C-alpha atoms as a PDB file:
ATOM      1  CA  UNK A   1      -0.226  14.336  11.920  1.00  0.00           C
ATOM      2  CA  UNK A   2       2.290  12.201  10.053  1.00  0.00           C
ATOM      3  CA  UNK A   3       2.308   9.620  12.822  1.00  0.00           C
ATOM      4  CA  UNK A   4      -1.334   8.804  11.974  1.00  0.00           C
ATOM      5  CA  UNK A   5      -0.181   7.304   8.663  1.00  0.00           C
ATOM      6  CA  UNK A   6      -0.036   3.536   9.111  1.00  0.00           C
ATOM      7  CA  UNK A   7       1.344   2.534   5.709  1.00  0.00           C
ATOM      8  CA  UNK A   8       3.697  -0.435   6.069  1.00  0.00           C
ATOM      9  CA  UNK A   9       2.925  -1.248   9.704  1.00  0.00           C
ATOM     10  CA  UNK A  10       2.079  -4.704  11.038  1.00  0.00           C
ATOM     11  CA  UNK A  11      -0.809  -5.166  13.482  1.00  0.00           C
ATOM     12  CA  UNK A  12      -0.662  -8.522  15.316  1.00  0.00           C
ATOM     13  CA  UNK A  13      -3.942 -10.409  15.479  1.00  0.00           C
ATOM     14  CA  UNK A  14      -5.689 -13.738  15.058  1.00  0.00           C
ATOM     15  CA  UNK A  15      -8.159 -12.989  12.264  1.00  0.00           C
ATOM     16  CA  UNK A  16      -8.630 -15.211   9.226  1.00  0.00           C
ATOM     17  CA  UNK A  17      -6.427 -12.852   7.201  1.00  0.00           C
ATOM     18  CA  UNK A  18      -3.661 -13.073   9.796  1.00  0.00           C
ATOM     19  CA  UNK A  19      -3.774 -16.875   9.585  1.00  0.00           C
ATOM     20  CA  UNK A  20      -3.553 -17.080   5.796  1.00  0.00           C
ATOM     21  CA  UNK A  21      -0.356 -18.407   4.258  1.00  0.00           C
ATOM     22  CA  UNK A  22       1.847 -15.468   3.087  1.00  0.00           C
ATOM     23  CA  UNK A  23       2.360 -17.131  -0.299  1.00  0.00           C
ATOM     24  CA  UNK A  24      -1.394 -17.261  -0.788  1.00  0.00           C
ATOM     25  CA  UNK A  25      -1.662 -13.620   0.288  1.00  0.00           C
ATOM     26  CA  UNK A  26       0.825 -12.563  -2.393  1.00  0.00           C
ATOM     27  CA  UNK A  27      -1.138 -14.506  -5.011  1.00  0.00           C
ATOM     28  CA  UNK A  28      -4.409 -12.999  -3.739  1.00  0.00           C
ATOM     29  CA  UNK A  29      -2.908  -9.501  -3.991  1.00  0.00           C
ATOM     30  CA  UNK A  30      -2.219 -10.104  -7.690  1.00  0.00           C
ATOM     31  CA  UNK A  31      -5.777 -11.380  -8.205  1.00  0.00           C
ATOM     32  CA  UNK A  32      -7.155  -8.426  -6.252  1.00  0.00           C
ATOM     33  CA  UNK A  33      -5.297  -5.926  -8.449  1.00  0.00           C
ATOM     34  CA  UNK A  34      -6.589  -7.701 -11.563  1.00  0.00           C
ATOM     35  CA  UNK A  35     -10.114  -7.520 -10.130  1.00  0.00           C
ATOM     36  CA  UNK A  36      -9.820  -3.789  -9.424  1.00  0.00           C
ATOM     37  CA  UNK A  37      -8.695  -2.965 -12.945  1.00  0.00           C
ATOM     38  CA  UNK A  38     -11.235  -5.365 -14.471  1.00  0.00           C
ATOM     39  CA  UNK A  39     -14.071  -3.255 -13.048  1.00  0.00           C
ATOM     40  CA  UNK A  40     -15.400  -0.667 -15.507  1.00  0.00           C
ATOM     41  CA  UNK A  41     -19.047  -0.075 -14.539  1.00  0.00           C
ATOM     42  CA  UNK A  42     -20.603   1.694 -11.526  1.00  0.00           C
ATOM     43  CA  UNK A  43     -21.967  -1.595 -10.186  1.00  0.00           C
ATOM     44  CA  UNK A  44     -18.620  -3.397 -10.443  1.00  0.00           C
ATOM     45  CA  UNK A  45     -16.808  -0.437  -8.845  1.00  0.00           C
ATOM     46  CA  UNK A  46     -19.294  -0.477  -5.974  1.00  0.00           C
ATOM     47  CA  UNK A  47     -18.607  -4.197  -5.497  1.00  0.00           C
ATOM     48  CA  UNK A  48     -14.840  -3.613  -5.530  1.00  0.00           C
ATOM     49  CA  UNK A  49     -15.101  -0.866  -2.911  1.00  0.00           C
ATOM     50  CA  UNK A  50     -17.381  -3.071  -0.804  1.00  0.00           C
ATOM     51  CA  UNK A  51     -14.845  -5.916  -1.034  1.00  0.00           C
ATOM     52  CA  UNK A  52     -12.130  -3.629   0.361  1.00  0.00           C
ATOM     53  CA  UNK A  53     -14.247  -2.889   3.434  1.00  0.00           C
ATOM     54  CA  UNK A  54     -15.131  -6.593   3.777  1.00  0.00           C
ATOM     55  CA  UNK A  55     -11.403  -7.334   3.959  1.00  0.00           C
ATOM     56  CA  UNK A  56     -11.056  -4.553   6.524  1.00  0.00           C
ATOM     57  CA  UNK A  57     -13.821  -6.140   8.593  1.00  0.00           C
ATOM     58  CA  UNK A  58     -12.282  -9.616   8.351  1.00  0.00           C
ATOM     59  CA  UNK A  59      -8.876  -8.307   9.472  1.00  0.00           C
ATOM     60  CA  UNK A  60     -10.373  -6.988  12.756  1.00  0.00           C
ATOM     61  CA  UNK A  61      -8.116  -3.941  12.499  1.00  0.00           C
ATOM     62  CA  UNK A  62      -9.685  -0.628  13.638  1.00  0.00           C
ATOM     63  CA  UNK A  63     -10.896   1.200  10.489  1.00  0.00           C
ATOM     64  CA  UNK A  64      -9.497   4.500  11.795  1.00  0.00           C
ATOM     65  CA  UNK A  65      -5.965   3.109  11.670  1.00  0.00           C
ATOM     66  CA  UNK A  66      -6.357   1.742   8.143  1.00  0.00           C
ATOM     67  CA  UNK A  67      -8.060   4.829   6.717  1.00  0.00           C
ATOM     68  CA  UNK A  68      -5.230   6.905   8.158  1.00  0.00           C
ATOM     69  CA  UNK A  69      -2.983   5.281   5.558  1.00  0.00           C
ATOM     70  CA  UNK A  70      -4.940   7.109   2.848  1.00  0.00           C
ATOM     71  CA  UNK A  71      -3.459  10.409   4.014  1.00  0.00           C
ATOM     72  CA  UNK A  72      -0.207   9.523   2.294  1.00  0.00           C
ATOM     73  CA  UNK A  73      -1.868   9.490  -1.150  1.00  0.00           C
ATOM     74  CA  UNK A  74      -4.584  12.103  -0.648  1.00  0.00           C
ATOM     75  CA  UNK A  75      -2.718  14.703  -2.743  1.00  0.00           C
ATOM     76  CA  UNK A  76      -2.154  12.172  -5.527  1.00  0.00           C
ATOM     77  CA  UNK A  77      -5.839  11.216  -5.539  1.00  0.00           C
ATOM     78  CA  UNK A  78      -6.920  14.880  -5.632  1.00  0.00           C
ATOM     79  CA  UNK A  79      -4.481  15.683  -8.459  1.00  0.00           C
ATOM     80  CA  UNK A  80      -5.604  12.644 -10.473  1.00  0.00           C
ATOM     81  CA  UNK A  81      -9.267  13.562 -10.001  1.00  0.00           C
ATOM     82  CA  UNK A  82      -8.685  17.142 -11.180  1.00  0.00           C
ATOM     83  CA  UNK A  83      -6.769  15.931 -14.248  1.00  0.00           C
ATOM     84  CA  UNK A  84      -9.589  13.548 -15.192  1.00  0.00           C
ATOM     85  CA  UNK A  85     -12.329  16.140 -14.626  1.00  0.00           C
ATOM     86  CA  UNK A  86     -10.799  18.964 -16.650  1.00  0.00           C
ATOM     87  CA  UNK A  87      -8.909  17.062 -19.357  1.00  0.00           C
ATOM     88  CA  UNK A  88     -11.325  14.264 -20.231  1.00  0.00           C
ATOM     89  CA  UNK A  89     -13.745  15.008 -23.045  1.00  0.00           C
ATOM     90  CA  UNK A  90     -16.990  13.196 -23.768  1.00  0.00           C
ATOM     91  CA  UNK A  91     -20.440  13.472 -25.259  1.00  0.00           C
ATOM     92  CA  UNK A  92     -22.434  14.948 -22.357  1.00  0.00           C
ATOM     93  CA  UNK A  93     -21.270  18.458 -21.423  1.00  0.00           C
ATOM     94  CA  UNK A  94     -22.133  19.439 -17.832  1.00  0.00           C
ATOM     95  CA  UNK A  95     -20.343  22.781 -17.426  1.00  0.00           C
ATOM     96  CA  UNK A  96     -18.622  25.241 -19.723  1.00  0.00           C
ATOM     97  CA  UNK A  97     -16.810  28.355 -18.508  1.00  0.00           C
ATOM     98  CA  UNK A  98     -14.546  29.794 -21.165  1.00  0.00           C
ATOM     99  CA  UNK A  99     -11.831  27.274 -22.031  1.00  0.00           C
ATOM    100  CA  UNK A 100     -12.900  25.026 -19.134  1.00  0.00           C
ATOM    101  CA  UNK A 101     -15.278  22.219 -20.076  1.00  0.00           C
ATOM    102  CA  UNK A 102     -16.467  19.525 -17.705  1.00  0.00           C
ATOM    103  CA  UNK A 103     -18.054  16.393 -19.160  1.00  0.00           C
ATOM    104  CA  UNK A 104     -19.975  13.649 -17.427  1.00  0.00           C
ATOM    105  CA  UNK A 105     -17.386  11.128 -18.566  1.00  0.00           C
ATOM    106  CA  UNK A 106     -14.610  13.137 -16.908  1.00  0.00           C
ATOM    107  CA  UNK A 107     -16.423  13.215 -13.566  1.00  0.00           C
ATOM    108  CA  UNK A 108     -17.095   9.479 -13.810  1.00  0.00           C
ATOM    109  CA  UNK A 109     -13.449   8.702 -14.598  1.00  0.00           C
ATOM    110  CA  UNK A 110     -12.352  10.842 -11.635  1.00  0.00           C
ATOM    111  CA  UNK A 111     -14.701   9.023  -9.248  1.00  0.00           C
ATOM    112  CA  UNK A 112     -13.709   5.610 -10.616  1.00  0.00           C
ATOM    113  CA  UNK A 113     -10.015   6.456 -10.278  1.00  0.00           C
ATOM    114  CA  UNK A 114     -10.449   7.495  -6.642  1.00  0.00           C
ATOM    115  CA  UNK A 115     -12.400   4.306  -5.930  1.00  0.00           C
ATOM    116  CA  UNK A 116      -9.625   2.257  -7.545  1.00  0.00           C
ATOM    117  CA  UNK A 117      -6.907   3.909  -5.462  1.00  0.00           C
ATOM    118  CA  UNK A 118      -8.869   3.635  -2.200  1.00  0.00           C
ATOM    119  CA  UNK A 119      -9.755  -0.025  -2.818  1.00  0.00           C
ATOM    120  CA  UNK A 120      -6.192  -0.820  -3.856  1.00  0.00           C
ATOM    121  CA  UNK A 121      -4.628   0.766  -0.767  1.00  0.00           C
ATOM    122  CA  UNK A 122      -7.127  -0.649   1.732  1.00  0.00           C
ATOM    123  CA  UNK A 123      -7.267  -4.122   0.195  1.00  0.00           C
ATOM    124  CA  UNK A 124      -3.551  -4.580  -0.433  1.00  0.00           C
ATOM    125  CA  UNK A 125      -2.513  -3.143   2.947  1.00  0.00           C
ATOM    126  CA  UNK A 126      -5.052  -5.178   4.926  1.00  0.00           C
ATOM    127  CA  UNK A 127      -4.352  -8.334   2.949  1.00  0.00           C
ATOM    128  CA  UNK A 128      -0.565  -8.116   3.119  1.00  0.00           C
ATOM    129  CA  UNK A 129       1.413  -5.646   5.247  1.00  0.00           C
ATOM    130  CA  UNK A 130      -1.075  -5.036   8.082  1.00  0.00           C
ATOM    131  CA  UNK A 131      -1.731  -8.740   8.692  1.00  0.00           C
ATOM    132  CA  UNK A 132       1.629 -10.328   7.815  1.00  0.00           C
ATOM    133  CA  UNK A 133       4.681 -10.270  10.071  1.00  0.00           C
ATOM    134  CA  UNK A 134       8.015  -9.211   8.502  1.00  0.00           C
ATOM    135  CA  UNK A 135       9.475 -12.723   8.858  1.00  0.00           C
ATOM    136  CA  UNK A 136       6.438 -14.381   7.259  1.00  0.00           C
ATOM    137  CA  UNK A 137       6.395 -11.805   4.455  1.00  0.00           C
ATOM    138  CA  UNK A 138      10.083 -12.406   3.715  1.00  0.00           C
ATOM    139  CA  UNK A 139       9.613 -16.190   3.689  1.00  0.00           C
ATOM    140  CA  UNK A 140       6.540 -15.897   1.470  1.00  0.00           C
ATOM    141  CA  UNK A 141       8.268 -13.652  -1.066  1.00  0.00           C
ATOM    142  CA  UNK A 142      11.283 -15.928  -1.117  1.00  0.00           C
ATOM    143  CA  UNK A 143       9.167 -19.015  -1.747  1.00  0.00           C
ATOM    144  CA  UNK A 144       7.119 -17.317  -4.471  1.00  0.00           C
ATOM    145  CA  UNK A 145      10.239 -16.022  -6.244  1.00  0.00           C
ATOM    146  CA  UNK A 146      12.245 -19.228  -5.724  1.00  0.00           C
ATOM    147  CA  UNK A 147      12.017 -20.271  -9.435  1.00  0.00           C
ATOM    148  CA  UNK A 148      14.234 -17.267 -10.226  1.00  0.00           C
ATOM    149  CA  UNK A 149      17.118 -18.976  -8.413  1.00  0.00           C
ATOM    150  CA  UNK A 150      17.656 -20.955 -11.606  1.00  0.00           C
ATOM    151  CA  UNK A 151      18.691 -17.648 -13.205  1.00  0.00           C
ATOM    152  CA  UNK A 152      21.055 -16.977 -10.253  1.00  0.00           C
ATOM    153  CA  UNK A 153      18.853 -14.183  -8.936  1.00  0.00           C
ATOM    154  CA  UNK A 154      19.532 -13.477  -5.207  1.00  0.00           C
ATOM    155  CA  UNK A 155      15.937 -14.170  -4.244  1.00  0.00           C
ATOM    156  CA  UNK A 156      16.433 -14.170  -0.471  1.00  0.00           C
ATOM    157  CA  UNK A 157      18.360 -10.899  -0.448  1.00  0.00           C
ATOM    158  CA  UNK A 158      15.777  -9.295  -2.750  1.00  0.00           C
ATOM    159  CA  UNK A 159      12.904 -10.432  -0.501  1.00  0.00           C
ATOM    160  CA  UNK A 160      14.700  -9.205   2.602  1.00  0.00           C
ATOM    161  CA  UNK A 161      15.339  -5.782   1.064  1.00  0.00           C
ATOM    162  CA  UNK A 162      11.700  -5.391   0.029  1.00  0.00           C
ATOM    163  CA  UNK A 163      10.484  -6.346   3.502  1.00  0.00           C
ATOM    164  CA  UNK A 164      12.914  -4.008   5.257  1.00  0.00           C
ATOM    165  CA  UNK A 165      11.930  -1.167   2.912  1.00  0.00           C
ATOM    166  CA  UNK A 166       8.248  -1.677   3.746  1.00  0.00           C
ATOM    167  CA  UNK A 167       8.903  -1.790   7.482  1.00  0.00           C
ATOM    168  CA  UNK A 168      11.077   1.342   7.361  1.00  0.00           C
ATOM    169  CA  UNK A 169       8.164   3.452   6.054  1.00  0.00           C
ATOM    170  CA  UNK A 170       6.411   3.948   9.437  1.00  0.00           C
ATOM    171  CA  UNK A 171       9.802   4.465  11.117  1.00  0.00           C
ATOM    172  CA  UNK A 172      10.748   7.246   8.712  1.00  0.00           C
ATOM    173  CA  UNK A 173       7.277   8.801   9.017  1.00  0.00           C
ATOM    174  CA  UNK A 174       7.620   8.902  12.791  1.00  0.00           C
ATOM    175  CA  UNK A 175      11.130  10.351  12.496  1.00  0.00           C
ATOM    176  CA  UNK A 176       9.895  13.029  10.080  1.00  0.00           C
ATOM    177  CA  UNK A 177       7.112  13.999  12.480  1.00  0.00           C
ATOM    178  CA  UNK A 178       9.607  14.362  15.323  1.00  0.00           C
ATOM    179  CA  UNK A 179      11.946  16.511  13.233  1.00  0.00           C
ATOM    180  CA  UNK A 180       9.096  18.766  12.053  1.00  0.00           C
ATOM    181  CA  UNK A 181       7.891  19.202  15.648  1.00  0.00           C
ATOM    182  CA  UNK A 182      11.414  20.089  16.742  1.00  0.00           C
ATOM    183  CA  UNK A 183      11.803  22.628  13.924  1.00  0.00           C
ATOM    184  CA  UNK A 184       8.430  24.199  14.764  1.00  0.00           C
ATOM    185  CA  UNK A 185       9.548  24.540  18.391  1.00  0.00           C
ATOM    186  CA  UNK A 186      12.559  26.499  17.079  1.00  0.00           C
ATOM    187  CA  UNK A 187      10.264  28.891  15.194  1.00  0.00           C
ATOM    188  CA  UNK A 188      10.265  27.381  11.704  1.00  0.00           C
ATOM    189  CA  UNK A 189       7.068  28.116   9.769  1.00  0.00           C
ATOM    190  CA  UNK A 190       5.998  25.431   7.271  1.00  0.00           C
ATOM    191  CA  UNK A 191       2.495  26.751   6.507  1.00  0.00           C
ATOM    192  CA  UNK A 192       3.065  30.289   5.209  1.00  0.00           C
ATOM    193  CA  UNK A 193       5.073  32.000   2.498  1.00  0.00           C
ATOM    194  CA  UNK A 194       5.523  31.292  -1.189  1.00  0.00           C
ATOM    195  CA  UNK A 195       6.080  27.840  -2.653  1.00  0.00           C
ATOM    196  CA  UNK A 196       9.817  28.493  -2.844  1.00  0.00           C
ATOM    197  CA  UNK A 197       9.959  29.598   0.785  1.00  0.00           C
ATOM    198  CA  UNK A 198       8.066  26.491   1.892  1.00  0.00           C
ATOM    199  CA  UNK A 199      10.454  24.303  -0.079  1.00  0.00           C
ATOM    200  CA  UNK A 200      13.446  25.979   1.578  1.00  0.00           C
ATOM    201  CA  UNK A 201      11.837  25.453   4.986  1.00  0.00           C
ATOM    202  CA  UNK A 202      11.895  21.692   4.339  1.00  0.00           C
ATOM    203  CA  UNK A 203      15.690  21.616   4.006  1.00  0.00           C
ATOM    204  CA  UNK A 204      16.225  21.535   7.813  1.00  0.00           C
ATOM    205  CA  UNK A 205      13.883  18.526   7.806  1.00  0.00           C
ATOM    206  CA  UNK A 206      15.349  16.540   4.914  1.00  0.00           C
ATOM    207  CA  UNK A 207      18.996  16.735   5.993  1.00  0.00           C
ATOM    208  CA  UNK A 208      18.554  15.237   9.499  1.00  0.00           C
ATOM    209  CA  UNK A 209      16.023  12.759   8.078  1.00  0.00           C
ATOM    210  CA  UNK A 210      18.579  11.380   5.610  1.00  0.00           C
ATOM    211  CA  UNK A 211      21.259  11.302   8.306  1.00  0.00           C
ATOM    212  CA  UNK A 212      18.903   9.418  10.630  1.00  0.00           C
ATOM    213  CA  UNK A 213      17.900   6.969   7.857  1.00  0.00           C
ATOM    214  CA  UNK A 214      21.535   6.112   7.078  1.00  0.00           C
ATOM    215  CA  UNK A 215      22.296   5.810  10.791  1.00  0.00           C
ATOM    216  CA  UNK A 216      19.391   3.383  11.303  1.00  0.00           C
ATOM    217  CA  UNK A 217      20.426   1.376   8.236  1.00  0.00           C
ATOM    218  CA  UNK A 218      23.983   1.094   9.595  1.00  0.00           C
ATOM    219  CA  UNK A 219      22.683  -0.024  13.001  1.00  0.00           C
ATOM    220  CA  UNK A 220      20.462  -2.634  11.339  1.00  0.00           C
ATOM    221  CA  UNK A 221      23.383  -3.975   9.280  1.00  0.00           C
ATOM    222  CA  UNK A 222      25.585  -4.247  12.389  1.00  0.00           C
ATOM    223  CA  UNK A 223      22.789  -5.987  14.314  1.00  0.00           C
ATOM    224  CA  UNK A 224      22.288  -8.524  11.495  1.00  0.00           C
ATOM    225  CA  UNK A 225      26.023  -9.226  11.304  1.00  0.00           C
ATOM    226  CA  UNK A 226      26.218  -9.687  15.092  1.00  0.00           C
ATOM    227  CA  UNK A 227      23.521 -12.343  14.743  1.00  0.00           C
ATOM    228  CA  UNK A 228      25.657 -14.110  12.104  1.00  0.00           C
ATOM    229  CA  UNK A 229      23.289 -13.293   9.240  1.00  0.00           C
ATOM    230  CA  UNK A 230      24.902 -14.303   5.962  1.00  0.00           C
ATOM    231  CA  UNK A 231      22.006 -14.329   3.519  1.00  0.00           C
ATOM    232  CA  UNK A 232      19.804 -17.209   2.459  1.00  0.00           C
ATOM    233  CA  UNK A 233      22.496 -19.817   1.811  1.00  0.00           C
ATOM    234  CA  UNK A 234      22.104 -22.644   4.329  1.00  0.00           C
ATOM    235  CA  UNK A 235      19.505 -20.700   6.310  1.00  0.00           C
ATOM    236  CA  UNK A 236      16.865 -22.644   8.239  1.00  0.00           C
ATOM    237  CA  UNK A 237      13.393 -21.437   9.259  1.00  0.00           C
ATOM    238  CA  UNK A 238      11.815 -21.614  12.674  1.00  0.00           C
ATOM    239  CA  UNK A 239       8.318 -21.798  11.125  1.00  0.00           C
ATOM    240  CA  UNK A 240       7.613 -23.734   7.952  1.00  0.00           C
ATOM    241  CA  UNK A 241       4.871 -22.564   5.612  1.00  0.00           C
ATOM    242  CA  UNK A 242       1.886 -24.832   5.026  1.00  0.00           C
ATOM    243  CA  UNK A 243      -1.224 -24.284   2.946  1.00  0.00           C
ATOM    244  CA  UNK A 244      -4.486 -25.047   4.748  1.00  0.00           C
ATOM    245  CA  UNK A 245      -8.107 -25.454   3.697  1.00  0.00           C
ATOM    246  CA  UNK A 246      -8.883 -21.833   4.595  1.00  0.00           C
ATOM    247  CA  UNK A 247      -6.286 -20.661   2.049  1.00  0.00           C
ATOM    248  CA  UNK A 248      -8.002 -22.506  -0.797  1.00  0.00           C
ATOM    249  CA  UNK A 249     -11.452 -21.411   0.379  1.00  0.00           C
ATOM    250  CA  UNK A 250     -10.399 -17.758   0.258  1.00  0.00           C
ATOM    251  CA  UNK A 251      -8.775 -18.323  -3.150  1.00  0.00           C
ATOM    252  CA  UNK A 252     -11.959 -19.892  -4.573  1.00  0.00           C
ATOM    253  CA  UNK A 253     -14.050 -17.065  -3.105  1.00  0.00           C
ATOM    254  CA  UNK A 254     -11.801 -14.468  -4.730  1.00  0.00           C
ATOM    255  CA  UNK A 255     -11.898 -16.210  -8.113  1.00  0.00           C
ATOM    256  CA  UNK A 256     -15.698 -16.273  -7.852  1.00  0.00           C
ATOM    257  CA  UNK A 257     -15.659 -12.565  -7.021  1.00  0.00           C
ATOM    258  CA  UNK A 258     -13.520 -11.844 -10.085  1.00  0.00           C
ATOM    259  CA  UNK A 259     -15.994 -13.812 -12.216  1.00  0.00           C
ATOM    260  CA  UNK A 260     -18.830 -11.763 -10.681  1.00  0.00           C
ATOM    261  CA  UNK A 261     -17.070  -8.496 -11.592  1.00  0.00           C
ATOM    262  CA  UNK A 262     -16.622  -9.657 -15.192  1.00  0.00           C
ATOM    263  CA  UNK A 263     -20.283 -10.719 -15.314  1.00  0.00           C
ATOM    264  CA  UNK A 264     -21.390  -7.299 -14.007  1.00  0.00           C
ATOM    265  CA  UNK A 265     -19.335  -5.634 -16.737  1.00  0.00           C
ATOM    266  CA  UNK A 266     -21.089  -7.714 -19.388  1.00  0.00           C
ATOM    267  CA  UNK A 267     -24.577  -7.211 -17.948  1.00  0.00           C
ATOM    268  CA  UNK A 268     -24.347  -3.459 -17.368  1.00  0.00           C
END
């Protein structure tokens, strides 16, 4: 079901990841992405995947909820794996059937790509959206991007838009699930027929979904105006951000992990 997808949701808690400063989380996300793409050996990929599940354990969020977020990119992962398997050539041929040739290198690239995507989704979601409230995420983004104010970039508005976009994902997923259920109750069939017929069957879903999205956006804008929201100019914060010892400990641990990944690449 679509409602099982948890991408963009926030799960309140008191874990060490919940208590990290949002600015540090954003910096750690960048380091984490660098670490994922720095891995290029089976050992380093295994360490990267293990680190994603370590973050999941530290967040104290039920694994079933987090793994449900992978449903949103399952088709992309499958398509990427097929492309790598059938279109990557190498030196060790495993299977040949007419024009189709499967090499060991292609299978390895497909597995590594899936590991990268899984680690990226689990790690980034657990480290940022699942464990950071919308207000803290907005404040963190604004503080990180504050140097751009010199160039007259509307940093606060940009941060607010990004946060709202992330938080609207689960809302739109839930709305889509409701619309599909309503259309099925009216006799619409989404699972049979040709590709063109299935695409046409989605039209009764997309139209009310867009109408609902614009309606929710209008309601949100009215609610913000009623609360006298006028952007970041002169705005005060109820909670001020402070870096603590745990933030630097996690940062040092992640830098050490990145050094370990690079060392594994050199050794193996």
